[in-house]
């Protein structure tokens, strides 16, 4: 009977340990780089970028440009297509 009681106690402890809540983590902010303020550029010709100033680290990315794959939510990225028009402004 002692063995049965010990196994029951161990099984109960294992089940209770599995019920521990996960730590709460903050979701990343959706617009850490300020891309929302530049959405008006989408559809504009790439030449408008020459007249503007952007945060340090901003990348202008063309269709055949190689870029690093590191994720930085505070970095503004402006992508343009083969037609030389801005297609996307985002943080990554």
PDB file of N, CA and C in Angstrom:
ATOM      1  N   UNK A   1       0.819  -1.185   0.000  1.00  0.00           N
ATOM      2  CA  UNK A   1       0.000   0.000   0.000  1.00  0.00           C
ATOM      3  C   UNK A   1       0.868   1.256   0.000  1.00  0.00           C
ATOM      4  N   UNK A   2       2.011   1.180   0.571  1.00  0.00           N
ATOM      5  CA  UNK A   2       2.910   2.320   0.614  1.00  0.00           C
ATOM      6  C   UNK A   2       3.373   2.677  -0.802  1.00  0.00           C
ATOM      7  N   UNK A   3       3.627   1.652  -1.599  1.00  0.00           N
ATOM      8  CA  UNK A   3       4.064   1.888  -2.973  1.00  0.00           C
ATOM      9  C   UNK A   3       2.968   2.566  -3.785  1.00  0.00           C
ATOM     10  N   UNK A   4       1.737   2.172  -3.610  1.00  0.00           N
ATOM     11  CA  UNK A   4       0.603   2.769  -4.316  1.00  0.00           C
ATOM     12  C   UNK A   4       0.434   4.227  -3.900  1.00  0.00           C
ATOM     13  N   UNK A   5       0.573   4.488  -2.625  1.00  0.00           N
ATOM     14  CA  UNK A   5       0.430   5.863  -2.136  1.00  0.00           C
ATOM     15  C   UNK A   5       1.548   6.741  -2.694  1.00  0.00           C
ATOM     16  N   UNK A   6       2.767   6.213  -2.772  1.00  0.00           N
ATOM     17  CA  UNK A   6       3.890   6.970  -3.301  1.00  0.00           C
ATOM     18  C   UNK A   6       3.689   7.281  -4.787  1.00  0.00           C
ATOM     19  N   UNK A   7       3.247   6.289  -5.552  1.00  0.00           N
ATOM     20  CA  UNK A   7       3.002   6.509  -6.976  1.00  0.00           C
ATOM     21  C   UNK A   7       1.879   7.521  -7.199  1.00  0.00           C
ATOM     22  N   UNK A   8       0.855   7.456  -6.389  1.00  0.00           N
ATOM     23  CA  UNK A   8      -0.252   8.414  -6.491  1.00  0.00           C
ATOM     24  C   UNK A   8       0.232   9.829  -6.176  1.00  0.00           C
ATOM     25  N   UNK A   9       1.054   9.962  -5.167  1.00  0.00           N
ATOM     26  CA  UNK A   9       1.580  11.273  -4.787  1.00  0.00           C
ATOM     27  C   UNK A   9       2.478  11.837  -5.891  1.00  0.00           C
ATOM     28  N   UNK A  10       3.327  11.003  -6.480  1.00  0.00           N
ATOM     29  CA  UNK A  10       4.195  11.460  -7.567  1.00  0.00           C
ATOM     30  C   UNK A  10       3.399  11.860  -8.802  1.00  0.00           C
ATOM     31  N   UNK A  11       2.381  11.094  -9.125  1.00  0.00           N
ATOM     32  CA  UNK A  11       1.540  11.415 -10.276  1.00  0.00           C
ATOM     33  C   UNK A  11       0.789  12.718 -10.044  1.00  0.00           C
ATOM     34  N   UNK A  12       0.305  12.916  -8.832  1.00  0.00           N
ATOM     35  CA  UNK A  12      -0.402  14.155  -8.499  1.00  0.00           C
ATOM     36  C   UNK A  12       0.532  15.356  -8.593  1.00  0.00           C
ATOM     37  N   UNK A  13       1.755  15.212  -8.099  1.00  0.00           N
ATOM     38  CA  UNK A  13       2.726  16.302  -8.160  1.00  0.00           C
ATOM     39  C   UNK A  13       3.068  16.637  -9.611  1.00  0.00           C
ATOM     40  N   UNK A  14       3.204  15.638 -10.451  1.00  0.00           N
ATOM     41  CA  UNK A  14       3.518  15.877 -11.861  1.00  0.00           C
ATOM     42  C   UNK A  14       2.369  16.606 -12.554  1.00  0.00           C
ATOM     43  N   UNK A  15       1.154  16.235 -12.257  1.00  0.00           N
ATOM     44  CA  UNK A  15      -0.001  16.904 -12.863  1.00  0.00           C
ATOM     45  C   UNK A  15      -0.105  18.353 -12.401  1.00  0.00           C
ATOM     46  N   UNK A  16       0.152  18.608 -11.130  1.00  0.00           N
ATOM     47  CA  UNK A  16       0.082  19.976 -10.620  1.00  0.00           C
ATOM     48  C   UNK A  16       1.202  20.845 -11.191  1.00  0.00           C
ATOM     49  N   UNK A  17       2.363  20.273 -11.398  1.00  0.00           N
ATOM     50  CA  UNK A  17       3.482  21.031 -11.962  1.00  0.00           C
ATOM     51  C   UNK A  17       3.175  21.445 -13.398  1.00  0.00           C
ATOM     52  N   UNK A  18       2.442  20.632 -14.116  1.00  0.00           N
ATOM     53  CA  UNK A  18       2.093  20.946 -15.492  1.00  0.00           C
ATOM     54  C   UNK A  18       1.083  22.085 -15.574  1.00  0.00           C
ATOM     55  N   UNK A  19       0.421  22.405 -14.488  1.00  0.00           N
ATOM     56  CA  UNK A  19      -0.594  23.450 -14.473  1.00  0.00           C
ATOM     57  C   UNK A  19      -0.024  24.836 -14.181  1.00  0.00           C
ATOM     58  N   UNK A  20       1.272  24.950 -14.027  1.00  0.00           N
ATOM     59  CA  UNK A  20       1.878  26.243 -13.727  1.00  0.00           C
ATOM     60  C   UNK A  20       1.662  27.191 -14.909  1.00  0.00           C
ATOM     61  N   UNK A  21       1.203  28.410 -14.661  1.00  0.00           N
ATOM     62  CA  UNK A  21       0.937  29.334 -15.768  1.00  0.00           C
ATOM     63  C   UNK A  21       2.234  29.795 -16.450  1.00  0.00           C
ATOM     64  N   UNK A  22       2.119  30.093 -17.737  1.00  0.00           N
ATOM     65  CA  UNK A  22       3.265  30.586 -18.485  1.00  0.00           C
ATOM     66  C   UNK A  22       3.497  32.053 -18.147  1.00  0.00           C
ATOM     67  N   UNK A  23       4.738  32.498 -18.175  1.00  0.00           N
ATOM     68  CA  UNK A  23       5.004  33.912 -17.898  1.00  0.00           C
ATOM     69  C   UNK A  23       4.406  34.787 -18.997  1.00  0.00           C
ATOM     70  N   UNK A  24       3.895  35.928 -18.613  1.00  0.00           N
ATOM     71  CA  UNK A  24       3.288  36.846 -19.562  1.00  0.00           C
ATOM     72  C   UNK A  24       4.389  37.689 -20.207  1.00  0.00           C
ATOM     73  N   UNK A  25       4.415  37.707 -21.529  1.00  0.00           N
ATOM     74  CA  UNK A  25       5.380  38.533 -22.249  1.00  0.00           C
ATOM     75  C   UNK A  25       4.625  39.588 -23.041  1.00  0.00           C
ATOM     76  N   UNK A  26       5.223  40.753 -23.136  1.00  0.00           N
ATOM     77  CA  UNK A  26       4.622  41.839 -23.885  1.00  0.00           C
ATOM     78  C   UNK A  26       4.780  41.584 -25.378  1.00  0.00           C
ATOM     79  N   UNK A  27       3.716  41.735 -26.169  1.00  0.00           N
ATOM     80  CA  UNK A  27       3.885  41.600 -27.615  1.00  0.00           C
ATOM     81  C   UNK A  27       4.681  42.792 -28.135  1.00  0.00           C
ATOM     82  N   UNK A  28       5.483  42.591 -29.174  1.00  0.00           N
ATOM     83  CA  UNK A  28       6.263  43.717 -29.691  1.00  0.00           C
ATOM     84  C   UNK A  28       5.340  44.791 -30.249  1.00  0.00           C
ATOM     85  N   UNK A  29       5.742  46.030 -30.079  1.00  0.00           N
ATOM     86  CA  UNK A  29       4.958  47.139 -30.614  1.00  0.00           C
ATOM     87  C   UNK A  29       4.947  47.035 -32.140  1.00  0.00           C
ATOM     88  N   UNK A  30       3.807  47.307 -32.721  1.00  0.00           N
ATOM     89  CA  UNK A  30       3.645  47.130 -34.154  1.00  0.00           C
ATOM     90  C   UNK A  30       4.411  48.175 -34.971  1.00  0.00           C
ATOM     91  N   UNK A  31       4.662  49.353 -34.412  1.00  0.00           N
ATOM     92  CA  UNK A  31       5.266  50.417 -35.199  1.00  0.00           C
ATOM     93  C   UNK A  31       6.406  51.088 -34.440  1.00  0.00           C
ATOM     94  N   UNK A  32       7.418  50.334 -34.107  1.00  0.00           N
ATOM     95  CA  UNK A  32       8.549  50.877 -33.359  1.00  0.00           C
ATOM     96  C   UNK A  32       9.425  51.786 -34.201  1.00  0.00           C
ATOM     97  N   UNK A  33       9.359  51.691 -35.526  1.00  0.00           N
ATOM     98  CA  UNK A  33      10.237  52.488 -36.388  1.00  0.00           C
ATOM     99  C   UNK A  33       9.545  53.715 -36.960  1.00  0.00           C
ATOM    100  N   UNK A  34       8.262  53.871 -36.732  1.00  0.00           N
ATOM    101  CA  UNK A  34       7.531  55.036 -37.244  1.00  0.00           C
ATOM    102  C   UNK A  34       7.026  54.863 -38.664  1.00  0.00           C
ATOM    103  N   UNK A  35       6.917  53.641 -39.144  1.00  0.00           N
ATOM    104  CA  UNK A  35       6.477  53.388 -40.516  1.00  0.00           C
ATOM    105  C   UNK A  35       5.080  53.931 -40.788  1.00  0.00           C
ATOM    106  N   UNK A  36       4.252  53.975 -39.780  1.00  0.00           N
ATOM    107  CA  UNK A  36       2.880  54.465 -39.965  1.00  0.00           C
ATOM    108  C   UNK A  36       2.876  55.884 -40.527  1.00  0.00           C
ATOM    109  N   UNK A  37       3.812  56.699 -40.102  1.00  0.00           N
ATOM    110  CA  UNK A  37       3.887  58.076 -40.570  1.00  0.00           C
ATOM    111  C   UNK A  37       4.382  58.232 -41.998  1.00  0.00           C
ATOM    112  N   UNK A  38       4.908  57.164 -42.577  1.00  0.00           N
ATOM    113  CA  UNK A  38       5.436  57.212 -43.941  1.00  0.00           C
ATOM    114  C   UNK A  38       4.577  56.427 -44.938  1.00  0.00           C
ATOM    115  N   UNK A  39       3.406  55.970 -44.542  1.00  0.00           N
ATOM    116  CA  UNK A  39       2.574  55.165 -45.438  1.00  0.00           C
ATOM    117  C   UNK A  39       2.096  55.952 -46.661  1.00  0.00           C
ATOM    118  N   UNK A  40       2.106  57.263 -46.571  1.00  0.00           N
ATOM    119  CA  UNK A  40       1.728  58.088 -47.717  1.00  0.00           C
ATOM    120  C   UNK A  40       2.713  57.982 -48.872  1.00  0.00           C
ATOM    121  N   UNK A  41       3.884  57.422 -48.625  1.00  0.00           N
ATOM    122  CA  UNK A  41       4.869  57.242 -49.687  1.00  0.00           C
ATOM    123  C   UNK A  41       4.523  56.096 -50.628  1.00  0.00           C
ATOM    124  N   UNK A  42       3.707  55.166 -50.164  1.00  0.00           N
ATOM    125  CA  UNK A  42       3.368  53.998 -50.986  1.00  0.00           C
ATOM    126  C   UNK A  42       2.671  54.479 -52.254  1.00  0.00           C
ATOM    127  N   UNK A  43       3.195  54.033 -53.403  1.00  0.00           N
ATOM    128  CA  UNK A  43       2.663  54.424 -54.698  1.00  0.00           C
ATOM    129  C   UNK A  43       3.383  55.616 -55.314  1.00  0.00           C
ATOM    130  N   UNK A  44       4.198  56.302 -54.520  1.00  0.00           N
ATOM    131  CA  UNK A  44       4.943  57.463 -55.008  1.00  0.00           C
ATOM    132  C   UNK A  44       6.205  56.988 -55.741  1.00  0.00           C
ATOM    133  N   UNK A  45       6.735  57.821 -56.648  1.00  0.00           N
ATOM    134  CA  UNK A  45       8.003  57.446 -57.292  1.00  0.00           C
ATOM    135  C   UNK A  45       9.148  57.485 -56.286  1.00  0.00           C
ATOM    136  N   UNK A  46      10.125  56.660 -56.496  1.00  0.00           N
ATOM    137  CA  UNK A  46      11.262  56.570 -55.581  1.00  0.00           C
ATOM    138  C   UNK A  46      12.007  57.897 -55.483  1.00  0.00           C
ATOM    139  N   UNK A  47      11.929  58.734 -56.487  1.00  0.00           N
ATOM    140  CA  UNK A  47      12.657  60.006 -56.509  1.00  0.00           C
ATOM    141  C   UNK A  47      12.242  60.946 -55.382  1.00  0.00           C
ATOM    142  N   UNK A  48      11.043  60.777 -54.799  1.00  0.00           N
ATOM    143  CA  UNK A  48      10.619  61.655 -53.696  1.00  0.00           C
ATOM    144  C   UNK A  48      11.471  61.427 -52.448  1.00  0.00           C
ATOM    145  N   UNK A  49      12.119  60.281 -52.349  1.00  0.00           N
ATOM    146  CA  UNK A  49      12.924  59.971 -51.165  1.00  0.00           C
ATOM    147  C   UNK A  49      14.150  60.874 -51.059  1.00  0.00           C
ATOM    148  N   UNK A  50      14.654  61.356 -52.184  1.00  0.00           N
ATOM    149  CA  UNK A  50      15.858  62.189 -52.178  1.00  0.00           C
ATOM    150  C   UNK A  50      15.620  63.517 -51.462  1.00  0.00           C
ATOM    151  N   UNK A  51      14.381  63.972 -51.401  1.00  0.00           N
ATOM    152  CA  UNK A  51      14.047  65.251 -50.786  1.00  0.00           C
ATOM    153  C   UNK A  51      13.732  65.119 -49.298  1.00  0.00           C
ATOM    154  N   UNK A  52      13.732  63.921 -48.784  1.00  0.00           N
ATOM    155  CA  UNK A  52      13.287  63.674 -47.418  1.00  0.00           C
ATOM    156  C   UNK A  52      14.438  63.239 -46.518  1.00  0.00           C
ATOM    157  N   UNK A  53      14.235  63.398 -45.221  1.00  0.00           N
ATOM    158  CA  UNK A  53      15.175  62.853 -44.244  1.00  0.00           C
ATOM    159  C   UNK A  53      14.465  61.746 -43.467  1.00  0.00           C
ATOM    160  N   UNK A  54      15.222  60.726 -43.117  1.00  0.00           N
ATOM    161  CA  UNK A  54      14.679  59.559 -42.436  1.00  0.00           C
ATOM    162  C   UNK A  54      15.528  59.250 -41.208  1.00  0.00           C
ATOM    163  N   UNK A  55      15.007  58.431 -40.296  1.00  0.00           N
ATOM    164  CA  UNK A  55      15.799  58.044 -39.120  1.00  0.00           C
ATOM    165  C   UNK A  55      17.085  57.320 -39.540  1.00  0.00           C
ATOM    166  N   UNK A  56      18.101  57.433 -38.714  1.00  0.00           N
ATOM    167  CA  UNK A  56      19.369  56.738 -38.971  1.00  0.00           C
ATOM    168  C   UNK A  56      19.098  55.235 -39.051  1.00  0.00           C
ATOM    169  N   UNK A  57      19.681  54.592 -40.038  1.00  0.00           N
ATOM    170  CA  UNK A  57      19.517  53.152 -40.204  1.00  0.00           C
ATOM    171  C   UNK A  57      18.415  52.772 -41.177  1.00  0.00           C
ATOM    172  N   UNK A  58      17.684  53.741 -41.704  1.00  0.00           N
ATOM    173  CA  UNK A  58      16.621  53.449 -42.667  1.00  0.00           C
ATOM    174  C   UNK A  58      17.221  52.807 -43.909  1.00  0.00           C
ATOM    175  N   UNK A  59      16.541  51.764 -44.409  1.00  0.00           N
ATOM    176  CA  UNK A  59      17.006  51.090 -45.615  1.00  0.00           C
ATOM    177  C   UNK A  59      16.042  51.361 -46.763  1.00  0.00           C
ATOM    178  N   UNK A  60      16.590  51.662 -47.939  1.00  0.00           N
ATOM    179  CA  UNK A  60      15.825  51.755 -49.172  1.00  0.00           C
ATOM    180  C   UNK A  60      16.182  50.516 -49.964  1.00  0.00           C
ATOM    181  N   UNK A  61      15.192  49.682 -50.218  1.00  0.00           N
ATOM    182  CA  UNK A  61      15.444  48.349 -50.763  1.00  0.00           C
ATOM    183  C   UNK A  61      14.788  48.199 -52.130  1.00  0.00           C
ATOM    184  N   UNK A  62      15.600  47.883 -53.130  1.00  0.00           N
ATOM    185  CA  UNK A  62      15.104  47.641 -54.482  1.00  0.00           C
ATOM    186  C   UNK A  62      14.800  46.168 -54.705  1.00  0.00           C
ATOM    187  N   UNK A  63      14.205  45.848 -55.848  1.00  0.00           N
ATOM    188  CA  UNK A  63      13.777  44.467 -56.105  1.00  0.00           C
ATOM    189  C   UNK A  63      14.919  43.453 -56.170  1.00  0.00           C
ATOM    190  N   UNK A  64      16.106  43.875 -56.542  1.00  0.00           N
ATOM    191  CA  UNK A  64      17.235  42.939 -56.641  1.00  0.00           C
ATOM    192  C   UNK A  64      18.303  43.192 -55.589  1.00  0.00           C
ATOM    193  N   UNK A  65      17.994  44.022 -54.596  1.00  0.00           N
ATOM    194  CA  UNK A  65      18.970  44.347 -53.559  1.00  0.00           C
ATOM    195  C   UNK A  65      19.083  43.222 -52.535  1.00  0.00           C
ATOM    196  N   UNK A  66      20.311  42.929 -52.143  1.00  0.00           N
ATOM    197  CA  UNK A  66      20.553  41.960 -51.074  1.00  0.00           C
ATOM    198  C   UNK A  66      20.540  42.715 -49.747  1.00  0.00           C
ATOM    199  N   UNK A  67      19.835  42.179 -48.773  1.00  0.00           N
ATOM    200  CA  UNK A  67      19.771  42.796 -47.444  1.00  0.00           C
ATOM    201  C   UNK A  67      20.019  41.740 -46.380  1.00  0.00           C
ATOM    202  N   UNK A  68      20.443  42.195 -45.220  1.00  0.00           N
ATOM    203  CA  UNK A  68      20.654  41.266 -44.115  1.00  0.00           C
ATOM    204  C   UNK A  68      19.308  40.753 -43.621  1.00  0.00           C
ATOM    205  N   UNK A  69      19.300  39.592 -43.027  1.00  0.00           N
ATOM    206  CA  UNK A  69      18.063  38.973 -42.564  1.00  0.00           C
ATOM    207  C   UNK A  69      17.804  39.218 -41.079  1.00  0.00           C
ATOM    208  N   UNK A  70      18.624  40.038 -40.440  1.00  0.00           N
ATOM    209  CA  UNK A  70      18.410  40.286 -39.019  1.00  0.00           C
ATOM    210  C   UNK A  70      17.145  41.111 -38.826  1.00  0.00           C
ATOM    211  N   UNK A  71      16.382  40.762 -37.805  1.00  0.00           N
ATOM    212  CA  UNK A  71      15.118  41.448 -37.532  1.00  0.00           C
ATOM    213  C   UNK A  71      15.355  42.547 -36.521  1.00  0.00           C
ATOM    214  N   UNK A  72      15.081  43.781 -36.919  1.00  0.00           N
ATOM    215  CA  UNK A  72      15.203  44.930 -36.026  1.00  0.00           C
ATOM    216  C   UNK A  72      13.912  45.731 -36.133  1.00  0.00           C
ATOM    217  N   UNK A  73      13.005  45.584 -35.188  1.00  0.00           N
ATOM    218  CA  UNK A  73      11.707  46.265 -35.285  1.00  0.00           C
ATOM    219  C   UNK A  73      11.815  47.782 -35.225  1.00  0.00           C
ATOM    220  N   UNK A  74      12.981  48.309 -34.861  1.00  0.00           N
ATOM    221  CA  UNK A  74      13.158  49.762 -34.807  1.00  0.00           C
ATOM    222  C   UNK A  74      13.723  50.328 -36.111  1.00  0.00           C
ATOM    223  N   UNK A  75      13.931  49.488 -37.133  1.00  0.00           N
ATOM    224  CA  UNK A  75      14.522  49.934 -38.390  1.00  0.00           C
ATOM    225  C   UNK A  75      13.435  50.139 -39.448  1.00  0.00           C
ATOM    226  N   UNK A  76      13.418  51.318 -40.050  1.00  0.00           N
ATOM    227  CA  UNK A  76      12.480  51.651 -41.117  1.00  0.00           C
ATOM    228  C   UNK A  76      13.008  51.108 -42.434  1.00  0.00           C
ATOM    229  N   UNK A  77      12.150  50.434 -43.181  1.00  0.00           N
ATOM    230  CA  UNK A  77      12.506  49.872 -44.478  1.00  0.00           C
ATOM    231  C   UNK A  77      11.524  50.382 -45.517  1.00  0.00           C
ATOM    232  N   UNK A  78      12.062  50.915 -46.603  1.00  0.00           N
ATOM    233  CA  UNK A  78      11.245  51.413 -47.696  1.00  0.00           C
ATOM    234  C   UNK A  78      11.590  50.580 -48.925  1.00  0.00           C
ATOM    235  N   UNK A  79      10.607  49.851 -49.433  1.00  0.00           N
ATOM    236  CA  UNK A  79      10.837  48.963 -50.567  1.00  0.00           C
ATOM    237  C   UNK A  79      10.180  49.528 -51.818  1.00  0.00           C
ATOM    238  N   UNK A  80      10.909  49.473 -52.928  1.00  0.00           N
ATOM    239  CA  UNK A  80      10.349  49.908 -54.205  1.00  0.00           C
ATOM    240  C   UNK A  80      10.463  48.778 -55.214  1.00  0.00           C
ATOM    241  N   UNK A  81       9.607  48.831 -56.232  1.00  0.00           N
ATOM    242  CA  UNK A  81       9.551  47.762 -57.218  1.00  0.00           C
ATOM    243  C   UNK A  81      10.280  48.102 -58.496  1.00  0.00           C
ATOM    244  N   UNK A  82      10.157  47.241 -59.471  1.00  0.00           N
ATOM    245  CA  UNK A  82      10.819  47.417 -60.771  1.00  0.00           C
ATOM    246  C   UNK A  82      10.311  48.655 -61.512  1.00  0.00           C
ATOM    247  N   UNK A  83       9.117  49.081 -61.199  1.00  0.00           N
ATOM    248  CA  UNK A  83       8.561  50.276 -61.833  1.00  0.00           C
ATOM    249  C   UNK A  83       9.047  51.559 -61.148  1.00  0.00           C
ATOM    250  N   UNK A  84       9.948  51.422 -60.189  1.00  0.00           N
ATOM    251  CA  UNK A  84      10.542  52.544 -59.432  1.00  0.00           C
ATOM    252  C   UNK A  84       9.532  53.288 -58.566  1.00  0.00           C
ATOM    253  N   UNK A  85       8.494  52.590 -58.173  1.00  0.00           N
ATOM    254  CA  UNK A  85       7.495  53.160 -57.266  1.00  0.00           C
ATOM    255  C   UNK A  85       7.590  52.444 -55.924  1.00  0.00           C
ATOM    256  N   UNK A  86       7.345  53.196 -54.857  1.00  0.00           N
ATOM    257  CA  UNK A  86       7.423  52.638 -53.505  1.00  0.00           C
ATOM    258  C   UNK A  86       6.246  51.684 -53.305  1.00  0.00           C
ATOM    259  N   UNK A  87       6.549  50.474 -52.856  1.00  0.00           N
ATOM    260  CA  UNK A  87       5.524  49.435 -52.698  1.00  0.00           C
ATOM    261  C   UNK A  87       5.209  49.134 -51.240  1.00  0.00           C
ATOM    262  N   UNK A  88       6.194  49.354 -50.344  1.00  0.00           N
ATOM    263  CA  UNK A  88       5.986  48.944 -48.956  1.00  0.00           C
ATOM    264  C   UNK A  88       6.876  49.781 -48.038  1.00  0.00           C
ATOM    265  N   UNK A  89       6.300  50.187 -46.907  1.00  0.00           N
ATOM    266  CA  UNK A  89       7.045  50.882 -45.854  1.00  0.00           C
ATOM    267  C   UNK A  89       6.747  50.130 -44.565  1.00  0.00           C
ATOM    268  N   UNK A  90       7.790  49.570 -43.925  1.00  0.00           N
ATOM    269  CA  UNK A  90       7.539  48.739 -42.746  1.00  0.00           C
ATOM    270  C   UNK A  90       8.751  48.703 -41.816  1.00  0.00           C
ATOM    271  N   UNK A  91       8.543  48.087 -40.675  1.00  0.00           N
ATOM    272  CA  UNK A  91       9.586  47.930 -39.657  1.00  0.00           C
ATOM    273  C   UNK A  91      10.066  46.487 -39.638  1.00  0.00           C
ATOM    274  N   UNK A  92      11.348  46.284 -39.852  1.00  0.00           N
ATOM    275  CA  UNK A  92      11.961  44.953 -39.697  1.00  0.00           C
ATOM    276  C   UNK A  92      13.445  45.022 -39.832  1.00  0.00           C
TER     277      UNK A  92
END
